[in-house]
PDB file of N, CA and C in Angstrom:
ATOM      1  N   MET A   1       8.281   3.055  38.626  1.00  0.00           N
ATOM      2  CA  MET A   1       9.317   2.760  38.173  1.00  0.00           C
ATOM      3  C   MET A   1       8.851   2.007  37.178  1.00  0.00           C
ATOM      4  N   ALA A   2       9.399   2.517  35.729  1.00  0.00           N
ATOM      5  CA  ALA A   2       8.795   1.708  34.220  1.00  0.00           C
ATOM      6  C   ALA A   2       9.986   0.365  34.604  1.00  0.00           C
ATOM      7  N   THR A   3       9.166  -0.607  34.039  1.00  0.00           N
ATOM      8  CA  THR A   3      10.381  -1.884  33.495  1.00  0.00           C
ATOM      9  C   THR A   3      10.875  -1.864  32.040  1.00  0.00           C
ATOM     10  N   HIS A   4      11.895  -2.483  31.715  1.00  0.00           N
ATOM     11  CA  HIS A   4      12.088  -2.533  30.328  1.00  0.00           C
ATOM     12  C   HIS A   4      11.718  -3.908  29.935  1.00  0.00           C
ATOM     13  N   VAL A   5      11.843  -3.984  28.504  1.00  0.00           N
ATOM     14  CA  VAL A   5      11.742  -5.511  28.268  1.00  0.00           C
ATOM     15  C   VAL A   5      12.193  -4.904  26.304  1.00  0.00           C
ATOM     16  N   LEU A   6      13.326  -6.386  26.443  1.00  0.00           N
ATOM     17  CA  LEU A   6      13.893  -6.475  25.252  1.00  0.00           C
ATOM     18  C   LEU A   6      12.831  -7.426  24.414  1.00  0.00           C
ATOM     19  N   TRP A   7      12.272  -6.833  22.761  1.00  0.00           N
ATOM     20  CA  TRP A   7      12.072  -8.011  22.493  1.00  0.00           C
ATOM     21  C   TRP A   7      12.897  -8.200  21.117  1.00  0.00           C
ATOM     22  N   GLN A   8      12.939  -9.425  20.639  1.00  0.00           N
ATOM     23  CA  GLN A   8      13.529  -9.705  19.441  1.00  0.00           C
ATOM     24  C   GLN A   8      13.065 -10.600  18.457  1.00  0.00           C
ATOM     25  N   ALA A   9      13.109 -11.002  17.222  1.00  0.00           N
ATOM     26  CA  ALA A   9      12.460 -11.516  16.384  1.00  0.00           C
ATOM     27  C   ALA A   9      13.062 -11.387  14.877  1.00  0.00           C
ATOM     28  N   ASP A  10      12.674 -12.510  14.167  1.00  0.00           N
ATOM     29  CA  ASP A  10      13.188 -12.838  12.964  1.00  0.00           C
ATOM     30  C   ASP A  10      11.730 -12.593  12.258  1.00  0.00           C
ATOM     31  N   VAL A  11      12.066 -11.894  11.713  1.00  0.00           N
ATOM     32  CA  VAL A  11      10.381 -11.190  10.689  1.00  0.00           C
ATOM     33  C   VAL A  11      11.329 -11.626   8.913  1.00  0.00           C
ATOM     34  N   ALA A  12       9.813 -11.974   8.053  1.00  0.00           N
ATOM     35  CA  ALA A  12       9.892 -12.245   6.905  1.00  0.00           C
ATOM     36  C   ALA A  12      10.785 -10.757   5.681  1.00  0.00           C
ATOM     37  N   ASP A  13      10.016  -9.890   6.622  1.00  0.00           N
ATOM     38  CA  ASP A  13      10.521  -8.924   5.777  1.00  0.00           C
ATOM     39  C   ASP A  13      10.786  -7.555   6.489  1.00  0.00           C
ATOM     40  N   PHE A  14      12.038  -7.290   7.011  1.00  0.00           N
ATOM     41  CA  PHE A  14      11.725  -5.832   7.977  1.00  0.00           C
ATOM     42  C   PHE A  14      11.149  -4.628   7.598  1.00  0.00           C
ATOM     43  N   ASP A  15      11.186  -3.620   6.462  1.00  0.00           N
ATOM     44  CA  ASP A  15       9.985  -2.812   6.166  1.00  0.00           C
ATOM     45  C   ASP A  15       8.909  -3.151   6.261  1.00  0.00           C
ATOM     46  N   ALA A  16       8.418  -4.376   5.796  1.00  0.00           N
ATOM     47  CA  ALA A  16       7.078  -4.460   6.001  1.00  0.00           C
ATOM     48  C   ALA A  16       6.416  -4.767   7.199  1.00  0.00           C
ATOM     49  N   TRP A  17       7.061  -5.578   8.516  1.00  0.00           N
ATOM     50  CA  TRP A  17       6.783  -5.096   9.582  1.00  0.00           C
ATOM     51  C   TRP A  17       7.300  -4.025  10.316  1.00  0.00           C
ATOM     52  N   LEU A  18       8.430  -3.462   9.965  1.00  0.00           N
ATOM     53  CA  LEU A  18       8.518  -1.944  10.528  1.00  0.00           C
ATOM     54  C   LEU A  18       6.965  -1.271  10.302  1.00  0.00           C
ATOM     55  N   THR A  19       6.349  -1.063   9.529  1.00  0.00           N
ATOM     56  CA  THR A  19       5.201  -0.456   8.933  1.00  0.00           C
ATOM     57  C   THR A  19       4.235  -0.881   9.963  1.00  0.00           C
ATOM     58  N   VAL A  20       3.653  -2.238   9.878  1.00  0.00           N
ATOM     59  CA  VAL A  20       2.864  -2.989  10.742  1.00  0.00           C
ATOM     60  C   VAL A  20       3.187  -2.251  12.240  1.00  0.00           C
ATOM     61  N   PHE A  21       4.256  -2.470  12.703  1.00  0.00           N
ATOM     62  CA  PHE A  21       4.566  -2.277  14.375  1.00  0.00           C
ATOM     63  C   PHE A  21       4.069  -0.961  14.162  1.00  0.00           C
ATOM     64  N   ARG A  22       4.609  -0.368  13.595  1.00  0.00           N
ATOM     65  CA  ARG A  22       4.449   1.523  13.967  1.00  0.00           C
ATOM     66  C   ARG A  22       3.164   1.916  14.224  1.00  0.00           C
ATOM     67  N   ALA A  23       2.096   0.975  12.966  1.00  0.00           N
ATOM     68  CA  ALA A  23       0.946   1.697  13.049  1.00  0.00           C
ATOM     69  C   ALA A  23       0.412   0.778  14.475  1.00  0.00           C
ATOM     70  N   ASP A  24       0.988  -0.192  14.801  1.00  0.00           N
ATOM     71  CA  ASP A  24       0.420  -0.954  16.136  1.00  0.00           C
ATOM     72  C   ASP A  24       0.601  -0.177  17.344  1.00  0.00           C
ATOM     73  N   ALA A  25       1.530   0.914  17.227  1.00  0.00           N
ATOM     74  CA  ALA A  25       2.376   1.310  18.685  1.00  0.00           C
ATOM     75  C   ALA A  25       0.994   2.128  19.481  1.00  0.00           C
ATOM     76  N   LYS A  26      -0.772   2.335  19.112  1.00  0.00           N
ATOM     77  CA  LYS A  26      -1.057   2.815  19.861  1.00  0.00           C
ATOM     78  C   LYS A  26      -2.038   1.555  20.656  1.00  0.00           C
ATOM     79  N   ASN A  27      -1.939   0.612  20.164  1.00  0.00           N
ATOM     80  CA  ASN A  27      -2.642  -0.568  21.066  1.00  0.00           C
ATOM     81  C   ASN A  27      -1.701  -1.069  22.080  1.00  0.00           C
ATOM     82  N   ARG A  28      -0.149  -0.789  22.045  1.00  0.00           N
ATOM     83  CA  ARG A  28       0.701  -0.792  22.892  1.00  0.00           C
ATOM     84  C   ARG A  28       0.684   0.180  24.012  1.00  0.00           C
ATOM     85  N   ARG A  29       0.138   1.215  23.464  1.00  0.00           N
ATOM     86  CA  ARG A  29       0.575   2.655  24.420  1.00  0.00           C
ATOM     87  C   ARG A  29      -0.797   2.160  25.350  1.00  0.00           C
ATOM     88  N   ALA A  30      -2.072   1.531  24.738  1.00  0.00           N
ATOM     89  CA  ALA A  30      -3.300   1.312  25.600  1.00  0.00           C
ATOM     90  C   ALA A  30      -2.968   0.647  27.034  1.00  0.00           C
ATOM     91  N   VAL A  31      -2.030  -0.308  26.871  1.00  0.00           N
ATOM     92  CA  VAL A  31      -1.801  -1.440  27.737  1.00  0.00           C
ATOM     93  C   VAL A  31      -0.428  -1.010  28.508  1.00  0.00           C
ATOM     94  N   GLY A  32      -0.100   0.321  28.368  1.00  0.00           N
ATOM     95  CA  GLY A  32       1.181   0.943  29.348  1.00  0.00           C
ATOM     96  C   GLY A  32       2.604   0.146  28.503  1.00  0.00           C
ATOM     97  N   ILE A  33       2.311  -0.095  27.001  1.00  0.00           N
ATOM     98  CA  ILE A  33       4.127  -0.088  26.700  1.00  0.00           C
ATOM     99  C   ILE A  33       4.286   0.914  26.082  1.00  0.00           C
ATOM    100  N   ALA A  34       5.286   1.446  26.440  1.00  0.00           N
ATOM    101  CA  ALA A  34       6.085   2.569  25.256  1.00  0.00           C
ATOM    102  C   ALA A  34       6.976   2.188  24.673  1.00  0.00           C
ATOM    103  N   ASP A  35       7.178   2.598  23.258  1.00  0.00           N
ATOM    104  CA  ASP A  35       8.179   1.975  22.346  1.00  0.00           C
ATOM    105  C   ASP A  35       9.695   2.965  22.858  1.00  0.00           C
ATOM    106  N   LEU A  36      10.812   2.328  22.907  1.00  0.00           N
ATOM    107  CA  LEU A  36      11.677   3.385  23.355  1.00  0.00           C
ATOM    108  C   LEU A  36      12.676   3.315  21.716  1.00  0.00           C
ATOM    109  N   ASN A  37      12.791   2.575  21.639  1.00  0.00           N
ATOM    110  CA  ASN A  37      14.052   2.307  20.168  1.00  0.00           C
ATOM    111  C   ASN A  37      13.423   0.818  19.569  1.00  0.00           C
ATOM    112  N   VAL A  38      13.652   1.226  18.053  1.00  0.00           N
ATOM    113  CA  VAL A  38      13.681  -0.516  17.394  1.00  0.00           C
ATOM    114  C   VAL A  38      14.681  -0.313  16.555  1.00  0.00           C
ATOM    115  N   TRP A  39      15.321  -1.353  16.525  1.00  0.00           N
ATOM    116  CA  TRP A  39      17.039  -1.907  15.620  1.00  0.00           C
ATOM    117  C   TRP A  39      16.830  -2.838  14.285  1.00  0.00           C
ATOM    118  N   ARG A  40      17.156  -3.146  13.508  1.00  0.00           N
ATOM    119  CA  ARG A  40      17.497  -3.809  12.707  1.00  0.00           C
ATOM    120  C   ARG A  40      19.171  -4.512  12.945  1.00  0.00           C
ATOM    121  N   ASP A  41      18.868  -5.359  12.792  1.00  0.00           N
ATOM    122  CA  ASP A  41      20.399  -6.438  13.331  1.00  0.00           C
ATOM    123  C   ASP A  41      21.170  -6.040  11.702  1.00  0.00           C
ATOM    124  N   PRO A  42      22.520  -5.203  12.293  1.00  0.00           N
ATOM    125  CA  PRO A  42      23.136  -4.868  10.866  1.00  0.00           C
ATOM    126  C   PRO A  42      23.734  -6.480  10.321  1.00  0.00           C
ATOM    127  N   ASP A  43      23.980  -7.347  11.105  1.00  0.00           N
ATOM    128  CA  ASP A  43      24.415  -9.025  10.683  1.00  0.00           C
ATOM    129  C   ASP A  43      23.486  -9.779   9.967  1.00  0.00           C
ATOM    130  N   GLN A  44      22.174  -9.627   9.906  1.00  0.00           N
ATOM    131  CA  GLN A  44      20.567 -10.603  10.022  1.00  0.00           C
ATOM    132  C   GLN A  44      20.125  -9.201   9.746  1.00  0.00           C
ATOM    133  N   LYS A  45      19.753  -8.989   8.311  1.00  0.00           N
ATOM    134  CA  LYS A  45      18.705  -8.030   7.485  1.00  0.00           C
ATOM    135  C   LYS A  45      17.184  -7.808   8.298  1.00  0.00           C
ATOM    136  N   ASN A  46      17.164  -9.215   8.209  1.00  0.00           N
ATOM    137  CA  ASN A  46      15.523  -9.511   8.662  1.00  0.00           C
ATOM    138  C   ASN A  46      15.289  -9.429  10.131  1.00  0.00           C
ATOM    139  N   HIS A  47      16.261  -9.486  10.819  1.00  0.00           N
ATOM    140  CA  HIS A  47      15.969  -9.722  12.253  1.00  0.00           C
ATOM    141  C   HIS A  47      15.419  -8.569  13.553  1.00  0.00           C
ATOM    142  N   ALA A  48      14.973  -8.073  13.638  1.00  0.00           N
ATOM    143  CA  ALA A  48      14.151  -6.728  14.263  1.00  0.00           C
ATOM    144  C   ALA A  48      14.433  -6.895  16.643  1.00  0.00           C
ATOM    145  N   VAL A  49      14.854  -5.939  16.610  1.00  0.00           N
ATOM    146  CA  VAL A  49      14.770  -5.345  18.036  1.00  0.00           C
ATOM    147  C   VAL A  49      14.146  -4.486  18.632  1.00  0.00           C
ATOM    148  N   ALA A  50      13.192  -4.388  19.449  1.00  0.00           N
ATOM    149  CA  ALA A  50      12.782  -3.235  19.964  1.00  0.00           C
ATOM    150  C   ALA A  50      12.937  -3.719  21.455  1.00  0.00           C
ATOM    151  N   LEU A  51      13.029  -2.209  22.346  1.00  0.00           N
ATOM    152  CA  LEU A  51      13.126  -1.676  23.539  1.00  0.00           C
ATOM    153  C   LEU A  51      11.796  -0.991  23.862  1.00  0.00           C
ATOM    154  N   PHE A  52      11.088  -1.541  25.056  1.00  0.00           N
ATOM    155  CA  PHE A  52       9.976  -0.804  25.463  1.00  0.00           C
ATOM    156  C   PHE A  52      10.043  -0.558  27.249  1.00  0.00           C
ATOM    157  N   ALA A  53       9.413   0.419  27.353  1.00  0.00           N
ATOM    158  CA  ALA A  53       9.329   0.665  29.025  1.00  0.00           C
ATOM    159  C   ALA A  53       7.987   0.226  29.604  1.00  0.00           C
ATOM    160  N   ILE A  54       7.960  -0.703  30.280  1.00  0.00           N
ATOM    161  CA  ILE A  54       6.650  -1.239  30.835  1.00  0.00           C
ATOM    162  C   ILE A  54       6.163  -0.688  31.806  1.00  0.00           C
ATOM    163  N   THR A  55       4.829   0.031  31.741  1.00  0.00           N
ATOM    164  CA  THR A  55       4.267   0.894  33.278  1.00  0.00           C
ATOM    165  C   THR A  55       3.559  -0.403  34.046  1.00  0.00           C
ATOM    166  N   ASP A  56       2.378  -1.007  33.301  1.00  0.00           N
ATOM    167  CA  ASP A  56       1.968  -2.163  33.922  1.00  0.00           C
ATOM    168  C   ASP A  56       2.360  -3.729  33.465  1.00  0.00           C
ATOM    169  N   ILE A  57       3.041  -4.297  34.307  1.00  0.00           N
ATOM    170  CA  ILE A  57       3.827  -5.601  33.619  1.00  0.00           C
ATOM    171  C   ILE A  57       2.749  -6.682  33.563  1.00  0.00           C
ATOM    172  N   ASP A  58       1.507  -6.385  34.476  1.00  0.00           N
ATOM    173  CA  ASP A  58       0.539  -7.665  33.946  1.00  0.00           C
ATOM    174  C   ASP A  58      -0.075  -7.246  33.128  1.00  0.00           C
ATOM    175  N   LYS A  59      -0.247  -6.353  32.539  1.00  0.00           N
ATOM    176  CA  LYS A  59      -1.328  -5.858  31.500  1.00  0.00           C
ATOM    177  C   LYS A  59      -0.230  -6.098  30.075  1.00  0.00           C
ATOM    178  N   ALA A  60       1.079  -5.725  30.277  1.00  0.00           N
ATOM    179  CA  ALA A  60       2.181  -5.929  28.937  1.00  0.00           C
ATOM    180  C   ALA A  60       2.347  -7.426  28.831  1.00  0.00           C
ATOM    181  N   LYS A  61       2.429  -8.550  30.023  1.00  0.00           N
ATOM    182  CA  LYS A  61       2.570  -9.750  30.273  1.00  0.00           C
ATOM    183  C   LYS A  61       1.607 -10.171  28.968  1.00  0.00           C
ATOM    184  N   ALA A  62      -0.234  -9.866  29.517  1.00  0.00           N
ATOM    185  CA  ALA A  62      -1.151 -10.088  28.766  1.00  0.00           C
ATOM    186  C   ALA A  62      -1.163 -10.047  27.241  1.00  0.00           C
ATOM    187  N   PHE A  63      -0.515  -8.658  27.158  1.00  0.00           N
ATOM    188  CA  PHE A  63      -0.796  -8.019  25.740  1.00  0.00           C
ATOM    189  C   PHE A  63       0.607  -8.868  24.801  1.00  0.00           C
ATOM    190  N   PHE A  64       1.535  -9.086  25.188  1.00  0.00           N
ATOM    191  CA  PHE A  64       2.890  -9.964  24.434  1.00  0.00           C
ATOM    192  C   PHE A  64       2.068 -11.779  24.784  1.00  0.00           C
ATOM    193  N   ASP A  65       1.663 -12.272  25.583  1.00  0.00           N
ATOM    194  CA  ASP A  65       0.916 -13.172  25.211  1.00  0.00           C
ATOM    195  C   ASP A  65       0.114 -13.608  24.566  1.00  0.00           C
ATOM    196  N   SER A  66      -1.355 -12.887  24.472  1.00  0.00           N
ATOM    197  CA  SER A  66      -2.531 -12.454  23.755  1.00  0.00           C
ATOM    198  C   SER A  66      -2.252 -13.678  22.541  1.00  0.00           C
ATOM    199  N   GLU A  67      -3.254 -14.411  22.289  1.00  0.00           N
ATOM    200  CA  GLU A  67      -3.322 -15.272  21.209  1.00  0.00           C
ATOM    201  C   GLU A  67      -3.584 -14.053  19.865  1.00  0.00           C
ATOM    202  N   GLU A  68      -4.060 -12.981  19.932  1.00  0.00           N
ATOM    203  CA  GLU A  68      -4.481 -12.111  18.928  1.00  0.00           C
ATOM    204  C   GLU A  68      -3.120 -11.609  18.496  1.00  0.00           C
ATOM    205  N   LEU A  69      -1.930 -11.424  19.112  1.00  0.00           N
ATOM    206  CA  LEU A  69      -0.832 -10.843  18.536  1.00  0.00           C
ATOM    207  C   LEU A  69      -0.434 -11.970  17.971  1.00  0.00           C
ATOM    208  N   ALA A  70      -0.146 -13.211  18.695  1.00  0.00           N
ATOM    209  CA  ALA A  70       0.145 -14.657  18.080  1.00  0.00           C
ATOM    210  C   ALA A  70      -0.143 -14.840  16.822  1.00  0.00           C
ATOM    211  N   MET A  71      -1.303 -14.902  16.636  1.00  0.00           N
ATOM    212  CA  MET A  71      -1.619 -14.620  15.469  1.00  0.00           C
ATOM    213  C   MET A  71      -1.432 -13.555  14.308  1.00  0.00           C
ATOM    214  N   HIS A  72      -1.283 -12.130  14.837  1.00  0.00           N
ATOM    215  CA  HIS A  72      -0.716 -11.058  13.835  1.00  0.00           C
ATOM    216  C   HIS A  72       0.661 -11.608  13.507  1.00  0.00           C
ATOM    217  N   MET A  73       1.562 -12.295  14.469  1.00  0.00           N
ATOM    218  CA  MET A  73       3.131 -12.056  14.506  1.00  0.00           C
ATOM    219  C   MET A  73       2.871 -13.402  13.073  1.00  0.00           C
ATOM    220  N   GLU A  74       1.978 -14.137  13.503  1.00  0.00           N
ATOM    221  CA  GLU A  74       2.058 -15.913  12.504  1.00  0.00           C
ATOM    222  C   GLU A  74       1.898 -15.416  11.166  1.00  0.00           C
ATOM    223  N   ARG A  75       0.699 -14.040  10.846  1.00  0.00           N
ATOM    224  CA  ARG A  75       0.353 -14.451   9.689  1.00  0.00           C
ATOM    225  C   ARG A  75       1.705 -12.951   8.877  1.00  0.00           C
ATOM    226  N   ASP A  76       2.188 -12.180   9.852  1.00  0.00           N
ATOM    227  CA  ASP A  76       2.711 -11.285   9.245  1.00  0.00           C
ATOM    228  C   ASP A  76       4.571 -12.212   9.078  1.00  0.00           C
ATOM    229  N   GLY A  77       4.419 -13.352   9.428  1.00  0.00           N
ATOM    230  CA  GLY A  77       5.966 -13.979   9.183  1.00  0.00           C
ATOM    231  C   GLY A  77       6.704 -13.443  10.297  1.00  0.00           C
ATOM    232  N   VAL A  78       6.156 -13.320  11.561  1.00  0.00           N
ATOM    233  CA  VAL A  78       7.174 -12.940  12.495  1.00  0.00           C
ATOM    234  C   VAL A  78       7.716 -14.387  13.176  1.00  0.00           C
ATOM    235  N   ILE A  79       9.081 -14.620  13.395  1.00  0.00           N
ATOM    236  CA  ILE A  79       9.210 -16.184  14.288  1.00  0.00           C
ATOM    237  C   ILE A  79      10.446 -16.112  15.331  1.00  0.00           C
ATOM    238  N   ASN A  80      10.667 -17.369  15.730  1.00  0.00           N
ATOM    239  CA  ASN A  80      11.764 -17.079  17.046  1.00  0.00           C
ATOM    240  C   ASN A  80      11.728 -15.857  17.756  1.00  0.00           C
ATOM    241  N   VAL A  81      10.609 -15.534  18.341  1.00  0.00           N
ATOM    242  CA  VAL A  81      10.473 -14.506  19.410  1.00  0.00           C
ATOM    243  C   VAL A  81      10.813 -14.729  20.865  1.00  0.00           C
ATOM    244  N   THR A  82      11.953 -13.884  21.048  1.00  0.00           N
ATOM    245  CA  THR A  82      11.935 -13.665  22.313  1.00  0.00           C
ATOM    246  C   THR A  82      11.941 -12.636  23.386  1.00  0.00           C
ATOM    247  N   VAL A  83      11.242 -12.434  24.456  1.00  0.00           N
ATOM    248  CA  VAL A  83      10.713 -11.370  25.134  1.00  0.00           C
ATOM    249  C   VAL A  83      11.382 -11.225  26.227  1.00  0.00           C
ATOM    250  N   LYS A  84      12.286 -10.261  26.892  1.00  0.00           N
ATOM    251  CA  LYS A  84      13.084 -10.368  28.051  1.00  0.00           C
ATOM    252  C   LYS A  84      12.860  -9.354  28.608  1.00  0.00           C
ATOM    253  N   ARG A  85      12.670  -9.551  29.950  1.00  0.00           N
ATOM    254  CA  ARG A  85      12.369  -8.595  30.964  1.00  0.00           C
ATOM    255  C   ARG A  85      14.070  -7.565  31.872  1.00  0.00           C
ATOM    256  N   LEU A  86      14.012  -6.463  31.162  1.00  0.00           N
ATOM    257  CA  LEU A  86      15.616  -6.199  32.432  1.00  0.00           C
ATOM    258  C   LEU A  86      14.906  -5.525  33.579  1.00  0.00           C
ATOM    259  N   ILE A  87      16.224  -5.573  34.545  1.00  0.00           N
ATOM    260  CA  ILE A  87      16.108  -5.195  35.515  1.00  0.00           C
ATOM    261  C   ILE A  87      17.374  -3.936  35.717  1.00  0.00           C
ATOM    262  N   PRO A  88      16.895  -2.864  36.294  1.00  0.00           N
ATOM    263  CA  PRO A  88      18.467  -2.558  36.794  1.00  0.00           C
ATOM    264  C   PRO A  88      19.675  -2.772  37.487  1.00  0.00           C
ATOM    265  N   ALA A  89      20.122  -2.762  37.548  1.00  0.00           N
ATOM    266  CA  ALA A  89      21.819  -3.173  37.936  1.00  0.00           C
ATOM    267  C   ALA A  89      21.525  -2.686  39.166  1.00  0.00           C
TER     268      ALA A  89
END
């Protein structure tokens, strides 16, 4: 059974971020992270929310915690990141 992760962040420019995010899908898939949905907060135009299905929690954690991802996010103006693991009720 897949685990789900809710990812949220403030981004410098939502449209620019979304282009980079979509281009990086293959890297997420390679570590067992499937994109389920992406939203823009209607009240905060540069607040991004994404829902992922995770098949390997250890690989996903390593991906989200990686120095490489941190550098990309810093370069792309991504701040105030929260990552929450969701479990079925």
